[in-house]
Structures are given as C-alpha cells and as structure tokens.
Amino acid sequence: MNLLSLSLLEAIVRTGSYSGAAKEKNFSVAKVSFHINNLQDELNLILFEKVGRQMRLTKDGEKVLEEARKILEATEKISSMKGGSPRLTGNLGIAVNETLLQYRLVNVINNFRQMAPDVTIKVELGTAYSIKDMVLRSEVDLAVSFNMGSYESPLTALPLCSEELGLFGSPRLKIEKEQFFLPNHCPNLNLLTWNFTSGPFRFFKRFLDKRGICMGKDMQVSGFF
C-alpha cells in the first residue's frame, strides 16, 4: 500500500471514473487500474463493483476511502509544515542498460543530483527484458532502455531518442548491405552478441524476421570477457 494508490482511489471517486483519475494524474487508464488492482489484492477486498456502465464503491470501498482521505489530508498538512523553499526529497529507483548509463545518462543523473540533492538515486543495471520486469514488479520507479517493440499494459513507453545500430565484422568478410534487406535471403554469416536478451540483439532479430532473413549460428560471447 502506498500514497499513490490511495490518491488514485480518491481521484476515481471524485472524478467519477478511472479515465477521469488518469487524466488528472497524467497516467494511462491501464496504470490506474494496475495500482487499484494491487491495492485490492493487498487488502484482500473488492473496492469497486460495476453497476451498468458505472463503477461504484462497495461497502468495503467506502470504508477504505474514508480512511484514505484522512491519510491524504494528514500527509498534506505535514508537508505544509516544511520550512523554507520546497525541496524534492525521497528515493528514486532507475533501471537502465549499462551501455546507456555509460554513454547517455551519467551527465543526466549528475545534473539531476545538483537540482535535487536531497533525492537518493538507486540505479539498477540489466538487459531490456530484465529492466521491463523490474518496472512490472515495482522494484524501480522508471526505466531507460532500448526499444523492445511492445509494452503491454500497465507499462507506458515514451520515446526519447533514436540510435543507429552498428554491425561489426572481420575485414576479410565480403558483406553487401543488400544482404540484410533482400526478403528471404540467408547470408552465411554467424551473429555474435554479448547477450541474447539485450535490446539491440532482439531488435536486430526482429528486423531480420520481418524480412524472412536467416543468418548462420547465433553465439553469445559475454562469458569470455
């Protein structure tokens, strides 16, 4: 249970719908539903029931809402007691690919620390797929990753930038660019990667699969480094 879930519960009742709460909080409807479902599971209670096309609070939901409003009101009062200018505080969990951290995010994180020195930042490293699971399990607040191609509910993806995908091979190989664009073509080339679950590798495999292009053997070489 957390303040966000309670705040969303209050917003749904006040605005009259999940979509109204989502709009107010700048969330997707799926994300609102995800947090409410988690709250119901944690309390082992049904908070809403569907009557026609409307969602109404159950008796248990009314009791939880009453206590939630007390908690939210008390939190607001305590926050207003802070002296001086408001400062960002708390913890921020970020999951990121190691390559992106090294080449893209170091300066971003340093700048954020200067803007919000009272925020504790925890960075978790992983592949595109493990990072996605961290967010789904609520182990981190946000993730910066390579595009995986699909992000099901309750995840919301925001494109930040685009990067070129580079392939490197021996100068002895004779590789024509068209080999990777001709439909149903099968160049006799082996593909080496540091991790089969990495975002760039999965992206390239999807690129080939859409064109019916097959390669030689796939090899993972991270164990040699």
Protein backbone atom coordinates (compact mmCIF):
# COMPACT_ATOMS: atom_id res chain seq x y z
CA MET A 1 0.00 0.00 0.00
CA ASN A 2 1.26 3.48 -0.81
CA LEU A 3 0.05 7.05 -1.02
CA LEU A 4 -0.24 6.86 -4.81
CA SER A 5 -2.77 4.03 -4.65
CA LEU A 6 -4.82 5.87 -2.04
CA SER A 7 -4.63 9.08 -4.05
CA LEU A 8 -5.84 7.27 -7.16
CA LEU A 9 -8.72 5.73 -5.22
CA GLU A 10 -9.80 9.19 -4.06
CA ALA A 11 -9.41 10.65 -7.56
CA ILE A 12 -11.54 7.91 -9.16
CA VAL A 13 -14.40 8.60 -6.76
CA ARG A 14 -14.07 12.38 -7.07
CA THR A 15 -13.87 12.46 -10.88
CA GLY A 16 -16.36 9.64 -11.32
CA SER A 17 -14.21 7.28 -13.40
CA TYR A 18 -10.86 5.61 -13.94
CA SER A 19 -10.34 7.75 -17.04
CA GLY A 20 -11.05 10.93 -15.07
CA ALA A 21 -8.44 9.96 -12.47
CA ALA A 22 -5.97 9.03 -15.22
CA LYS A 23 -6.39 12.40 -16.90
CA GLU A 24 -5.92 14.27 -13.63
CA LYS A 25 -2.79 12.33 -12.68
CA ASN A 26 -1.43 12.26 -16.23
CA PHE A 27 -1.46 8.45 -16.18
CA SER A 28 -2.84 5.88 -18.57
CA VAL A 29 -6.12 4.21 -17.58
CA ALA A 30 -4.25 0.91 -17.52
CA LYS A 31 -1.78 2.28 -14.97
CA VAL A 32 -4.60 3.50 -12.74
CA SER A 33 -6.28 0.09 -12.97
CA PHE A 34 -2.97 -1.63 -12.18
CA HIS A 35 -2.48 0.31 -8.93
CA ILE A 36 -6.09 -0.17 -7.81
CA ASN A 37 -5.91 -3.91 -8.51
CA ASN A 38 -2.71 -4.09 -6.45
CA LEU A 39 -4.42 -2.22 -3.61
CA GLN A 40 -7.37 -4.62 -3.70
CA ASP A 41 -5.05 -7.62 -3.69
CA GLU A 42 -3.05 -6.24 -0.78
CA LEU A 43 -6.18 -5.54 1.28
CA ASN A 44 -7.95 -8.69 0.06
CA LEU A 45 -11.02 -6.54 -0.56
CA ILE A 46 -13.21 -5.59 -3.52
CA LEU A 47 -13.30 -1.80 -3.63
CA PHE A 48 -15.43 -1.26 -6.74
CA GLU A 49 -18.38 -3.02 -8.31
CA LYS A 50 -19.74 -2.46 -11.81
CA VAL A 51 -23.36 -1.26 -11.98
CA GLY A 52 -24.38 -0.91 -15.60
CA ARG A 53 -21.61 1.14 -17.17
CA GLN A 54 -20.58 2.78 -13.91
CA MET A 55 -18.08 1.75 -11.24
CA ARG A 56 -19.37 2.19 -7.69
CA LEU A 57 -17.68 1.75 -4.35
CA THR A 58 -18.56 -1.33 -2.37
CA LYS A 59 -19.21 -1.06 1.36
CA ASP A 60 -15.59 -2.01 1.97
CA GLY A 61 -14.54 0.53 -0.63
CA GLU A 62 -16.41 3.30 1.21
CA LYS A 63 -14.63 2.43 4.45
CA VAL A 64 -11.22 2.37 2.78
CA LEU A 65 -11.92 5.68 1.03
CA GLU A 66 -12.86 7.30 4.34
CA GLU A 67 -9.57 6.27 5.91
CA ALA A 68 -7.62 7.09 2.74
CA ARG A 69 -8.92 10.67 2.80
CA LYS A 70 -7.76 11.02 6.40
CA ILE A 71 -4.29 9.79 5.48
CA LEU A 72 -4.04 12.05 2.42
CA GLU A 73 -5.25 15.07 4.41
CA ALA A 74 -2.75 14.38 7.20
CA THR A 75 0.05 13.96 4.66
CA GLU A 76 -0.80 17.29 3.07
CA LYS A 77 -0.81 19.03 6.44
CA ILE A 78 2.56 17.58 7.39
CA SER A 79 4.04 18.57 4.02
CA SER A 80 2.86 22.15 4.52
CA MET A 81 4.90 22.36 7.73
CA LYS A 82 8.21 22.23 5.86
CA GLY A 83 10.29 25.33 6.37
CA GLY A 84 11.96 27.32 3.59
CA SER A 85 11.55 26.65 -0.10
CA PRO A 86 10.02 23.29 -1.10
CA ARG A 87 12.71 20.75 -1.95
CA LEU A 88 12.43 17.43 -3.69
CA THR A 89 13.09 14.58 -1.29
CA GLY A 90 12.72 10.82 -1.24
CA ASN A 91 14.06 7.88 -3.23
CA LEU A 92 14.21 7.39 -6.99
CA GLY A 93 14.85 3.95 -8.46
CA ILE A 94 16.04 3.80 -12.06
CA ALA A 95 16.68 0.67 -14.13
CA VAL A 96 18.95 1.13 -17.13
CA ASN A 97 21.05 -0.70 -19.68
CA GLU A 98 24.77 -0.45 -18.86
CA THR A 99 25.64 0.98 -22.28
CA LEU A 100 23.03 3.72 -21.97
CA LEU A 101 24.24 4.53 -18.47
CA GLN A 102 27.84 4.95 -19.61
CA TYR A 103 27.22 6.92 -22.78
CA ARG A 104 23.94 8.74 -22.21
CA LEU A 105 22.85 9.01 -18.60
CA VAL A 106 25.88 9.82 -16.46
CA ASN A 107 25.61 13.56 -17.14
CA VAL A 108 21.81 13.46 -16.84
CA ILE A 109 21.99 11.85 -13.41
CA ASN A 110 24.70 14.28 -12.26
CA ASN A 111 22.57 17.24 -13.37
CA PHE A 112 19.55 15.83 -11.56
CA ARG A 113 21.57 15.38 -8.36
CA GLN A 114 22.52 19.04 -8.48
CA MET A 115 18.89 20.04 -8.96
CA ALA A 116 17.59 17.68 -6.25
CA PRO A 117 20.42 16.92 -3.80
CA ASP A 118 18.00 15.51 -1.20
CA VAL A 119 16.78 12.74 -3.50
CA THR A 120 18.52 9.40 -3.12
CA ILE A 121 19.04 7.75 -6.52
CA LYS A 122 19.39 3.99 -6.86
CA VAL A 123 20.44 2.65 -10.27
CA GLU A 124 19.83 -0.97 -11.25
CA LEU A 125 21.56 -2.43 -14.32
CA GLY A 126 20.03 -5.02 -16.60
CA THR A 127 19.00 -6.01 -20.10
CA ALA A 128 15.98 -4.57 -21.88
CA TYR A 129 13.88 -7.53 -20.76
CA SER A 130 15.05 -7.73 -17.14
CA ILE A 131 14.56 -3.96 -16.84
CA LYS A 132 10.98 -4.32 -18.04
CA ASP A 133 10.34 -6.95 -15.35
CA MET A 134 11.80 -4.65 -12.67
CA VAL A 135 9.22 -2.00 -13.55
CA LEU A 136 6.36 -4.51 -13.62
CA ARG A 137 7.37 -5.76 -10.16
CA SER A 138 7.54 -2.13 -8.91
CA GLU A 139 11.19 -2.61 -7.95
CA VAL A 140 12.09 0.69 -9.67
CA ASP A 141 10.19 3.87 -10.50
CA LEU A 142 11.25 4.17 -14.11
CA ALA A 143 13.50 2.58 -16.71
CA VAL A 144 15.58 3.78 -19.63
CA SER A 145 16.08 1.04 -22.16
CA PHE A 146 16.38 0.11 -25.81
CA ASN A 147 13.10 -0.30 -27.66
CA MET A 148 11.72 -3.81 -27.21
CA GLY A 149 8.95 -3.36 -29.77
CA SER A 150 5.97 -3.86 -27.45
CA TYR A 151 5.00 -2.65 -23.97
CA GLU A 152 1.81 -4.20 -22.67
CA SER A 153 -0.44 -2.68 -20.02
CA PRO A 154 0.23 -1.25 -17.46
CA LEU A 155 3.55 -0.06 -18.90
CA THR A 156 3.70 3.28 -20.67
CA ALA A 157 6.59 3.92 -23.08
CA LEU A 158 7.90 7.34 -24.06
CA PRO A 159 10.40 7.56 -26.97
CA LEU A 160 13.38 9.71 -26.00
CA CYS A 161 15.76 9.49 -28.96
CA SER A 162 16.95 7.19 -31.72
CA GLU A 163 20.32 5.49 -32.06
CA GLU A 164 21.96 3.83 -35.06
CA LEU A 165 22.52 0.09 -34.85
CA GLY A 166 26.04 -0.90 -35.86
CA LEU A 167 27.26 -4.29 -37.08
CA PHE A 168 30.96 -5.10 -36.92
CA GLY A 169 32.75 -7.85 -38.79
CA SER A 170 36.15 -9.02 -39.92
CA PRO A 171 37.67 -7.02 -42.80
CA ARG A 172 38.13 -10.35 -44.56
CA LEU A 173 34.39 -10.78 -44.92
CA LYS A 174 32.69 -9.57 -48.06
CA ILE A 175 29.36 -8.24 -46.85
CA GLU A 176 26.95 -6.36 -49.07
CA LYS A 177 24.45 -4.03 -47.44
CA GLU A 178 21.67 -5.55 -49.54
CA GLN A 179 22.16 -8.88 -47.75
CA PHE A 180 20.17 -7.52 -44.82
CA PHE A 181 17.32 -6.15 -46.90
CA LEU A 182 16.61 -8.82 -49.53
CA PRO A 183 13.49 -10.77 -48.46
CA ASN A 184 14.00 -14.46 -47.66
CA HIS A 185 17.77 -14.12 -48.10
CA CYS A 186 20.11 -16.26 -45.98
CA PRO A 187 23.68 -14.90 -45.83
CA ASN A 188 26.16 -17.44 -44.49
CA LEU A 189 27.22 -15.28 -41.54
CA ASN A 190 27.31 -16.07 -37.83
CA LEU A 191 25.96 -13.47 -35.42
CA LEU A 192 27.87 -12.80 -32.19
CA THR A 193 26.39 -10.86 -29.28
CA TRP A 194 27.26 -10.26 -25.66
CA ASN A 195 23.74 -11.21 -24.51
CA PHE A 196 20.84 -12.93 -26.28
CA THR A 197 18.37 -10.90 -24.20
CA SER A 198 19.92 -7.49 -24.93
CA GLY A 199 17.72 -4.86 -26.57
CA PRO A 200 19.88 -4.28 -29.68
CA PHE A 201 20.20 -8.02 -30.37
CA ARG A 202 16.44 -8.59 -30.07
CA PHE A 203 15.78 -5.52 -32.22
CA PHE A 204 18.06 -6.80 -34.98
CA LYS A 205 16.48 -10.27 -34.83
CA ARG A 206 13.01 -8.75 -35.21
CA PHE A 207 14.32 -6.73 -38.15
CA LEU A 208 15.55 -9.91 -39.86
CA ASP A 209 12.45 -11.96 -39.00
CA LYS A 210 10.12 -9.41 -40.58
CA ARG A 211 12.01 -9.83 -43.85
CA GLY A 212 12.36 -13.58 -43.65
CA ILE A 213 16.15 -13.26 -43.49
CA CYS A 214 18.06 -16.04 -41.74
CA MET A 215 21.62 -15.92 -40.52
CA GLY A 216 24.10 -18.62 -39.56
CA LYS A 217 24.55 -19.56 -35.91
CA ASP A 218 23.92 -17.14 -33.03
CA MET A 219 26.70 -17.04 -30.45
CA GLN A 220 26.81 -15.41 -27.01
CA VAL A 221 30.34 -14.35 -26.11
CA SER A 222 29.89 -12.41 -22.87
CA GLY A 223 31.44 -15.25 -20.87
CA PHE A 224 34.83 -14.60 -22.48
CA PHE A 225 35.16 -11.04 -21.14
